[in-house]
Amino acid sequence: LENAQKNYKRTEMLAQKDLVATIDVDADKK
């Protein structure tokens, strides 16, 4: 859970800068 929380937080920050695709954000949230 702790690892998933870190991954989702990092992916969400990158998504705000348009550095990752939305599909990656959704995968980390799941």
PDB file of all heavy atoms in Angstrom:
ATOM      1  N   LEU A   1       0.827  -1.206   0.000  1.00  0.00           N
ATOM      2  CA  LEU A   1       0.000   0.000   0.000  1.00  0.00           C
ATOM      3  C   LEU A   1       0.861   1.256   0.000  1.00  0.00           C
ATOM      4  O   LEU A   1       0.589   2.222  -0.736  1.00  0.00           O
ATOM      5  CB  LEU A   1      -0.929  -0.017   1.220  1.00  0.00           C
ATOM      6  CG  LEU A   1      -1.804   1.241   1.426  1.00  0.00           C
ATOM      7  CD1 LEU A   1      -2.709   1.470   0.216  1.00  0.00           C
ATOM      8  CD2 LEU A   1      -2.609   1.129   2.707  1.00  0.00           C
ATOM      9  N   GLU A   2       1.894   1.267   0.820  1.00  0.00           N
ATOM     10  CA  GLU A   2       2.770   2.432   0.872  1.00  0.00           C
ATOM     11  C   GLU A   2       3.434   2.680  -0.494  1.00  0.00           C
ATOM     12  O   GLU A   2       3.541   3.823  -0.947  1.00  0.00           O
ATOM     13  CB  GLU A   2       3.838   2.235   1.948  1.00  0.00           C
ATOM     14  CG  GLU A   2       3.283   2.283   3.366  1.00  0.00           C
ATOM     15  CD  GLU A   2       4.359   2.008   4.396  1.00  0.00           C
ATOM     16  OE1 GLU A   2       5.527   1.806   3.983  1.00  0.00           O
ATOM     17  OE2 GLU A   2       4.039   1.991   5.596  1.00  0.00           O
ATOM     18  N   ASN A   3       3.869   1.613  -1.147  1.00  0.00           N
ATOM     19  CA  ASN A   3       4.496   1.739  -2.468  1.00  0.00           C
ATOM     20  C   ASN A   3       3.484   2.251  -3.493  1.00  0.00           C
ATOM     21  O   ASN A   3       3.802   3.096  -4.343  1.00  0.00           O
ATOM     22  CB  ASN A   3       5.073   0.395  -2.895  1.00  0.00           C
ATOM     23  CG  ASN A   3       5.874   0.499  -4.169  1.00  0.00           C
ATOM     24  OD1 ASN A   3       6.772   1.347  -4.294  1.00  0.00           O
ATOM     25  ND2 ASN A   3       5.563  -0.357  -5.152  1.00  0.00           N
ATOM     26  N   ALA A   4       2.237   1.752  -3.414  1.00  0.00           N
ATOM     27  CA  ALA A   4       1.203   2.190  -4.352  1.00  0.00           C
ATOM     28  C   ALA A   4       0.877   3.658  -4.132  1.00  0.00           C
ATOM     29  O   ALA A   4       0.615   4.401  -5.100  1.00  0.00           O
ATOM     30  CB  ALA A   4      -0.048   1.325  -4.184  1.00  0.00           C
ATOM     31  N   GLN A   5       0.869   4.093  -2.881  1.00  0.00           N
ATOM     32  CA  GLN A   5       0.591   5.497  -2.581  1.00  0.00           C
ATOM     33  C   GLN A   5       1.686   6.408  -3.183  1.00  0.00           C
ATOM     34  O   GLN A   5       1.396   7.472  -3.757  1.00  0.00           O
ATOM     35  CB  GLN A   5       0.500   5.698  -1.061  1.00  0.00           C
ATOM     36  CG  GLN A   5      -0.772   5.124  -0.449  1.00  0.00           C
ATOM     37  CD  GLN A   5      -0.749   5.195   1.078  1.00  0.00           C
ATOM     38  OE1 GLN A   5       0.336   5.272   1.679  1.00  0.00           O
ATOM     39  NE2 GLN A   5      -1.937   5.176   1.682  1.00  0.00           N
ATOM     40  N   LYS A   6       2.957   5.971  -3.060  1.00  0.00           N
ATOM     41  CA  LYS A   6       4.061   6.761  -3.598  1.00  0.00           C
ATOM     42  C   LYS A   6       3.980   6.830  -5.128  1.00  0.00           C
ATOM     43  O   LYS A   6       4.155   7.894  -5.725  1.00  0.00           O
ATOM     44  CB  LYS A   6       5.405   6.163  -3.175  1.00  0.00           C
ATOM     45  CG  LYS A   6       5.682   6.308  -1.687  1.00  0.00           C
ATOM     46  CD  LYS A   6       7.011   5.644  -1.325  1.00  0.00           C
ATOM     47  CE  LYS A   6       7.292   5.743   0.170  1.00  0.00           C
ATOM     48  NZ  LYS A   6       8.574   5.068   0.519  1.00  0.00           N
ATOM     49  N   ASN A   7       3.727   5.695  -5.767  1.00  0.00           N
ATOM     50  CA  ASN A   7       3.647   5.665  -7.229  1.00  0.00           C
ATOM     51  C   ASN A   7       2.512   6.550  -7.737  1.00  0.00           C
ATOM     52  O   ASN A   7       2.664   7.287  -8.721  1.00  0.00           O
ATOM     53  CB  ASN A   7       3.443   4.234  -7.723  1.00  0.00           C
ATOM     54  CG  ASN A   7       4.686   3.383  -7.541  1.00  0.00           C
ATOM     55  OD1 ASN A   7       5.802   3.923  -7.439  1.00  0.00           O
ATOM     56  ND2 ASN A   7       4.521   2.054  -7.503  1.00  0.00           N
ATOM     57  N   TYR A   8       1.359   6.456  -7.084  1.00  0.00           N
ATOM     58  CA  TYR A   8       0.214   7.258  -7.539  1.00  0.00           C
ATOM     59  C   TYR A   8       0.488   8.742  -7.351  1.00  0.00           C
ATOM     60  O   TYR A   8       0.166   9.563  -8.230  1.00  0.00           O
ATOM     61  CB  TYR A   8      -1.043   6.843  -6.761  1.00  0.00           C
ATOM     62  CG  TYR A   8      -2.238   7.693  -7.105  1.00  0.00           C
ATOM     63  CD1 TYR A   8      -2.830   7.601  -8.369  1.00  0.00           C
ATOM     64  CD2 TYR A   8      -2.759   8.605  -6.186  1.00  0.00           C
ATOM     65  CE1 TYR A   8      -3.913   8.399  -8.700  1.00  0.00           C
ATOM     66  CE2 TYR A   8      -3.843   9.385  -6.509  1.00  0.00           C
ATOM     67  CZ  TYR A   8      -4.433   9.283  -7.768  1.00  0.00           C
ATOM     68  OH  TYR A   8      -5.501  10.071  -8.100  1.00  0.00           O
ATOM     69  N   LYS A   9       1.138   9.107  -6.248  1.00  0.00           N
ATOM     70  CA  LYS A   9       1.429  10.516  -5.996  1.00  0.00           C
ATOM     71  C   LYS A   9       2.418  11.062  -7.035  1.00  0.00           C
ATOM     72  O   LYS A   9       2.247  12.175  -7.559  1.00  0.00           O
ATOM     73  CB  LYS A   9       1.999  10.671  -4.588  1.00  0.00           C
ATOM     74  CG  LYS A   9       2.191  12.128  -4.168  1.00  0.00           C
ATOM     75  CD  LYS A   9       2.663  12.190  -2.709  1.00  0.00           C
ATOM     76  CE  LYS A   9       2.824  13.652  -2.280  1.00  0.00           C
ATOM     77  NZ  LYS A   9       3.274  13.729  -0.872  1.00  0.00           N
ATOM     78  N   ARG A  10       3.450  10.256  -7.359  1.00  0.00           N
ATOM     79  CA  ARG A  10       4.442  10.703  -8.356  1.00  0.00           C
ATOM     80  C   ARG A  10       3.811  10.794  -9.739  1.00  0.00           C
ATOM     81  O   ARG A  10       4.024  11.765 -10.470  1.00  0.00           O
ATOM     82  CB  ARG A  10       5.616   9.706  -8.377  1.00  0.00           C
ATOM     83  CG  ARG A  10       6.738  10.129  -9.334  1.00  0.00           C
ATOM     84  CD  ARG A  10       7.946   9.210  -9.264  1.00  0.00           C
ATOM     85  NE  ARG A  10       7.619   7.842  -9.641  1.00  0.00           N
ATOM     86  CZ  ARG A  10       7.506   6.847  -8.805  1.00  0.00           C
ATOM     87  NH1 ARG A  10       7.711   7.046  -7.511  1.00  0.00           N
ATOM     88  NH2 ARG A  10       7.204   5.643  -9.238  1.00  0.00           N
ATOM     89  N   THR A  11       2.983   9.800 -10.098  1.00  0.00           N
ATOM     90  CA  THR A  11       2.356   9.818 -11.431  1.00  0.00           C
ATOM     91  C   THR A  11       1.410  10.995 -11.562  1.00  0.00           C
ATOM     92  O   THR A  11       1.308  11.632 -12.631  1.00  0.00           O
ATOM     93  CB  THR A  11       1.603   8.496 -11.672  1.00  0.00           C
ATOM     94  OG1 THR A  11       2.519   7.407 -11.510  1.00  0.00           O
ATOM     95  CG2 THR A  11       1.008   8.456 -13.063  1.00  0.00           C
ATOM     96  N   GLU A  12       0.715  11.320 -10.527  1.00  0.00           N
ATOM     97  CA  GLU A  12      -0.245  12.426 -10.550  1.00  0.00           C
ATOM     98  C   GLU A  12       0.486  13.757 -10.750  1.00  0.00           C
ATOM     99  O   GLU A  12       0.035  14.640 -11.514  1.00  0.00           O
ATOM    100  CB  GLU A  12      -1.053  12.431  -9.249  1.00  0.00           C
ATOM    101  CG  GLU A  12      -2.263  13.361  -9.309  1.00  0.00           C
ATOM    102  CD  GLU A  12      -3.100  13.281  -8.059  1.00  0.00           C
ATOM    103  OE1 GLU A  12      -2.525  13.046  -6.961  1.00  0.00           O
ATOM    104  OE2 GLU A  12      -4.326  13.422  -8.141  1.00  0.00           O
ATOM    105  N   MET A  13       1.653  13.939 -10.109  1.00  0.00           N
ATOM    106  CA  MET A  13       2.441  15.167 -10.290  1.00  0.00           C
ATOM    107  C   MET A  13       2.962  15.272 -11.720  1.00  0.00           C
ATOM    108  O   MET A  13       2.937  16.356 -12.320  1.00  0.00           O
ATOM    109  CB  MET A  13       3.617  15.181  -9.298  1.00  0.00           C
ATOM    110  CG  MET A  13       3.173  15.322  -7.844  1.00  0.00           C
ATOM    111  SD  MET A  13       4.576  15.224  -6.702  1.00  0.00           S
ATOM    112  CE  MET A  13       5.553  16.613  -7.260  1.00  0.00           C
ATOM    113  N   LEU A  14       3.409  14.169 -12.301  1.00  0.00           N
ATOM    114  CA  LEU A  14       3.902  14.185 -13.676  1.00  0.00           C
ATOM    115  C   LEU A  14       2.768  14.460 -14.660  1.00  0.00           C
ATOM    116  O   LEU A  14       2.970  15.126 -15.705  1.00  0.00           O
ATOM    117  CB  LEU A  14       4.580  12.857 -14.003  1.00  0.00           C
ATOM    118  CG  LEU A  14       5.886  12.559 -13.236  1.00  0.00           C
ATOM    119  CD1 LEU A  14       6.386  11.151 -13.532  1.00  0.00           C
ATOM    120  CD2 LEU A  14       6.949  13.606 -13.601  1.00  0.00           C
ATOM    121  N   ALA A  15       1.598  13.954 -14.331  1.00  0.00           N
ATOM    122  CA  ALA A  15       0.453  14.174 -15.211  1.00  0.00           C
ATOM    123  C   ALA A  15       0.088  15.645 -15.261  1.00  0.00           C
ATOM    124  O   ALA A  15      -0.361  16.161 -16.300  1.00  0.00           O
ATOM    125  CB  ALA A  15      -0.737  13.344 -14.759  1.00  0.00           C
ATOM    126  N   GLN A  16       0.277  16.349 -14.168  1.00  0.00           N
ATOM    127  CA  GLN A  16      -0.027  17.775 -14.129  1.00  0.00           C
ATOM    128  C   GLN A  16       0.922  18.574 -15.055  1.00  0.00           C
ATOM    129  O   GLN A  16       0.575  19.650 -15.538  1.00  0.00           O
ATOM    130  CB  GLN A  16       0.064  18.293 -12.689  1.00  0.00           C
ATOM    131  CG  GLN A  16      -1.054  17.766 -11.778  1.00  0.00           C
ATOM    132  CD  GLN A  16      -0.870  18.213 -10.341  1.00  0.00           C
ATOM    133  OE1 GLN A  16       0.147  18.865 -10.018  1.00  0.00           O
ATOM    134  NE2 GLN A  16      -1.840  17.867  -9.482  1.00  0.00           N
ATOM    135  N   LYS A  17       2.097  18.008 -15.319  1.00  0.00           N
ATOM    136  CA  LYS A  17       3.067  18.649 -16.216  1.00  0.00           C
ATOM    137  C   LYS A  17       3.034  18.055 -17.624  1.00  0.00           C
ATOM    138  O   LYS A  17       3.915  18.300 -18.434  1.00  0.00           O
ATOM    139  CB  LYS A  17       4.486  18.510 -15.641  1.00  0.00           C
ATOM    140  CG  LYS A  17       4.648  19.187 -14.287  1.00  0.00           C
ATOM    141  CD  LYS A  17       6.060  18.976 -13.746  1.00  0.00           C
ATOM    142  CE  LYS A  17       6.243  19.612 -12.374  1.00  0.00           C
ATOM    143  NZ  LYS A  17       7.592  19.402 -11.843  1.00  0.00           N
ATOM    144  N   ASP A  18       2.003  17.187 -17.832  1.00  0.00           N
ATOM    145  CA  ASP A  18       1.824  16.519 -19.123  1.00  0.00           C
ATOM    146  C   ASP A  18       3.026  15.667 -19.510  1.00  0.00           C
ATOM    147  O   ASP A  18       3.386  15.537 -20.691  1.00  0.00           O
ATOM    148  CB  ASP A  18       1.531  17.537 -20.241  1.00  0.00           C
ATOM    149  CG  ASP A  18       0.210  18.239 -20.025  1.00  0.00           C
ATOM    150  OD1 ASP A  18      -0.712  17.578 -19.439  1.00  0.00           O
ATOM    151  OD2 ASP A  18       0.080  19.418 -20.392  1.00  0.00           O
ATOM    152  N   LEU A  19       3.658  15.071 -18.464  1.00  0.00           N
ATOM    153  CA  LEU A  19       4.819  14.239 -18.741  1.00  0.00           C
ATOM    154  C   LEU A  19       4.451  12.757 -18.833  1.00  0.00           C
ATOM    155  O   LEU A  19       5.265  11.944 -19.274  1.00  0.00           O
ATOM    156  CB  LEU A  19       5.878  14.423 -17.636  1.00  0.00           C
ATOM    157  CG  LEU A  19       6.465  15.844 -17.531  1.00  0.00           C
ATOM    158  CD1 LEU A  19       7.434  15.924 -16.370  1.00  0.00           C
ATOM    159  CD2 LEU A  19       7.170  16.220 -18.851  1.00  0.00           C
ATOM    160  N   VAL A  20       3.267  12.389 -18.346  1.00  0.00           N
ATOM    161  CA  VAL A  20       2.800  11.002 -18.458  1.00  0.00           C
ATOM    162  C   VAL A  20       1.390  11.006 -18.997  1.00  0.00           C
ATOM    163  O   VAL A  20       0.649  12.003 -18.890  1.00  0.00           O
ATOM    164  CB  VAL A  20       2.820  10.275 -17.102  1.00  0.00           C
ATOM    165  CG1 VAL A  20       4.229  10.098 -16.604  1.00  0.00           C
ATOM    166  CG2 VAL A  20       1.964  10.992 -16.072  1.00  0.00           C
ATOM    167  N   ALA A  21       1.013   9.858 -19.548  1.00  0.00           N
ATOM    168  CA  ALA A  21      -0.326   9.765 -20.114  1.00  0.00           C
ATOM    169  C   ALA A  21      -1.353   9.523 -18.998  1.00  0.00           C
ATOM    170  O   ALA A  21      -1.039   9.026 -17.902  1.00  0.00           O
ATOM    171  CB  ALA A  21      -0.391   8.635 -21.128  1.00  0.00           C
ATOM    172  N   THR A  22      -2.588   9.842 -19.317  1.00  0.00           N
ATOM    173  CA  THR A  22      -3.684   9.653 -18.347  1.00  0.00           C
ATOM    174  C   THR A  22      -3.863   8.181 -17.989  1.00  0.00           C
ATOM    175  O   THR A  22      -4.201   7.831 -16.849  1.00  0.00           O
ATOM    176  CB  THR A  22      -4.996  10.195 -18.934  1.00  0.00           C
ATOM    177  OG1 THR A  22      -4.823  11.575 -19.292  1.00  0.00           O
ATOM    178  CG2 THR A  22      -6.128  10.070 -17.933  1.00  0.00           C
ATOM    179  N   ILE A  23      -3.591   7.324 -18.974  1.00  0.00           N
ATOM    180  CA  ILE A  23      -3.750   5.884 -18.724  1.00  0.00           C
ATOM    181  C   ILE A  23      -2.798   5.411 -17.647  1.00  0.00           C
ATOM    182  O   ILE A  23      -3.132   4.506 -16.864  1.00  0.00           O
ATOM    183  CB  ILE A  23      -3.535   5.116 -20.042  1.00  0.00           C
ATOM    184  CG1 ILE A  23      -3.973   3.644 -19.826  1.00  0.00           C
ATOM    185  CG2 ILE A  23      -2.086   5.207 -20.508  1.00  0.00           C
ATOM    186  CD1 ILE A  23      -3.981   2.861 -21.127  1.00  0.00           C
ATOM    187  N   ASP A  24      -1.632   6.019 -17.518  1.00  0.00           N
ATOM    188  CA  ASP A  24      -0.684   5.639 -16.469  1.00  0.00           C
ATOM    189  C   ASP A  24      -1.201   6.075 -15.088  1.00  0.00           C
ATOM    190  O   ASP A  24      -1.020   5.358 -14.094  1.00  0.00           O
ATOM    191  CB  ASP A  24       0.684   6.281 -16.742  1.00  0.00           C
ATOM    192  CG  ASP A  24       1.330   5.711 -17.998  1.00  0.00           C
ATOM    193  OD1 ASP A  24       1.050   4.520 -18.299  1.00  0.00           O
ATOM    194  OD2 ASP A  24       2.100   6.436 -18.640  1.00  0.00           O
ATOM    195  N   VAL A  25      -1.816   7.252 -15.080  1.00  0.00           N
ATOM    196  CA  VAL A  25      -2.396   7.721 -13.804  1.00  0.00           C
ATOM    197  C   VAL A  25      -3.492   6.763 -13.329  1.00  0.00           C
ATOM    198  O   VAL A  25      -3.570   6.399 -12.159  1.00  0.00           O
ATOM    199  CB  VAL A  25      -2.946   9.152 -13.967  1.00  0.00           C
ATOM    200  CG1 VAL A  25      -3.635   9.599 -12.671  1.00  0.00           C
ATOM    201  CG2 VAL A  25      -1.832  10.121 -14.342  1.00  0.00           C
ATOM    202  N   ASP A  26      -4.339   6.373 -14.256  1.00  0.00           N
ATOM    203  CA  ASP A  26      -5.424   5.456 -13.903  1.00  0.00           C
ATOM    204  C   ASP A  26      -4.901   4.108 -13.412  1.00  0.00           C
ATOM    205  O   ASP A  26      -5.466   3.509 -12.482  1.00  0.00           O
ATOM    206  CB  ASP A  26      -6.330   5.244 -15.115  1.00  0.00           C
ATOM    207  CG  ASP A  26      -7.074   6.523 -15.505  1.00  0.00           C
ATOM    208  OD1 ASP A  26      -7.188   7.419 -14.630  1.00  0.00           O
ATOM    209  OD2 ASP A  26      -7.537   6.612 -16.654  1.00  0.00           O
ATOM    210  N   ALA A  27      -3.837   3.626 -14.024  1.00  0.00           N
ATOM    211  CA  ALA A  27      -3.272   2.340 -13.624  1.00  0.00           C
ATOM    212  C   ALA A  27      -2.719   2.406 -12.201  1.00  0.00           C
ATOM    213  O   ALA A  27      -2.935   1.485 -11.377  1.00  0.00           O
ATOM    214  CB  ALA A  27      -2.188   1.910 -14.592  1.00  0.00           C
ATOM    215  N   ASP A  28      -2.016   3.514 -11.884  1.00  0.00           N
ATOM    216  CA  ASP A  28      -1.466   3.650 -10.526  1.00  0.00           C
ATOM    217  C   ASP A  28      -2.575   3.844  -9.475  1.00  0.00           C
ATOM    218  O   ASP A  28      -2.468   3.368  -8.336  1.00  0.00           O
ATOM    219  CB  ASP A  28      -0.489   4.823 -10.467  1.00  0.00           C
ATOM    220  CG  ASP A  28       0.827   4.521 -11.187  1.00  0.00           C
ATOM    221  OD1 ASP A  28       1.084   3.313 -11.417  1.00  0.00           O
ATOM    222  OD2 ASP A  28       1.571   5.456 -11.491  1.00  0.00           O
ATOM    223  N   LYS A  29      -3.650   4.529  -9.882  1.00  0.00           N
ATOM    224  CA  LYS A  29      -4.764   4.712  -8.946  1.00  0.00           C
ATOM    225  C   LYS A  29      -5.447   3.373  -8.646  1.00  0.00           C
ATOM    226  O   LYS A  29      -5.813   3.070  -7.504  1.00  0.00           O
ATOM    227  CB  LYS A  29      -5.774   5.691  -9.523  1.00  0.00           C
ATOM    228  CG  LYS A  29      -6.904   6.018  -8.562  1.00  0.00           C
ATOM    229  CD  LYS A  29      -7.825   7.078  -9.149  1.00  0.00           C
ATOM    230  CE  LYS A  29      -8.925   7.431  -8.149  1.00  0.00           C
ATOM    231  NZ  LYS A  29      -9.847   8.466  -8.698  1.00  0.00           N
ATOM    232  N   LYS A  30      -5.600   2.550  -9.673  1.00  0.00           N
ATOM    233  CA  LYS A  30      -6.204   1.228  -9.489  1.00  0.00           C
ATOM    234  C   LYS A  30      -5.343   0.371  -8.574  1.00  0.00           C
ATOM    235  O   LYS A  30      -5.861  -0.349  -7.702  1.00  0.00           O
ATOM    236  CB  LYS A  30      -6.369   0.556 -10.839  1.00  0.00           C
ATOM    237  CG  LYS A  30      -7.050  -0.803 -10.752  1.00  0.00           C
ATOM    238  CD  LYS A  30      -7.222  -1.403 -12.140  1.00  0.00           C
ATOM    239  CE  LYS A  30      -7.878  -2.774 -12.044  1.00  0.00           C
ATOM    240  NZ  LYS A  30      -8.037  -3.392 -13.407  1.00  0.00           N
TER     241      LYS A  30
END
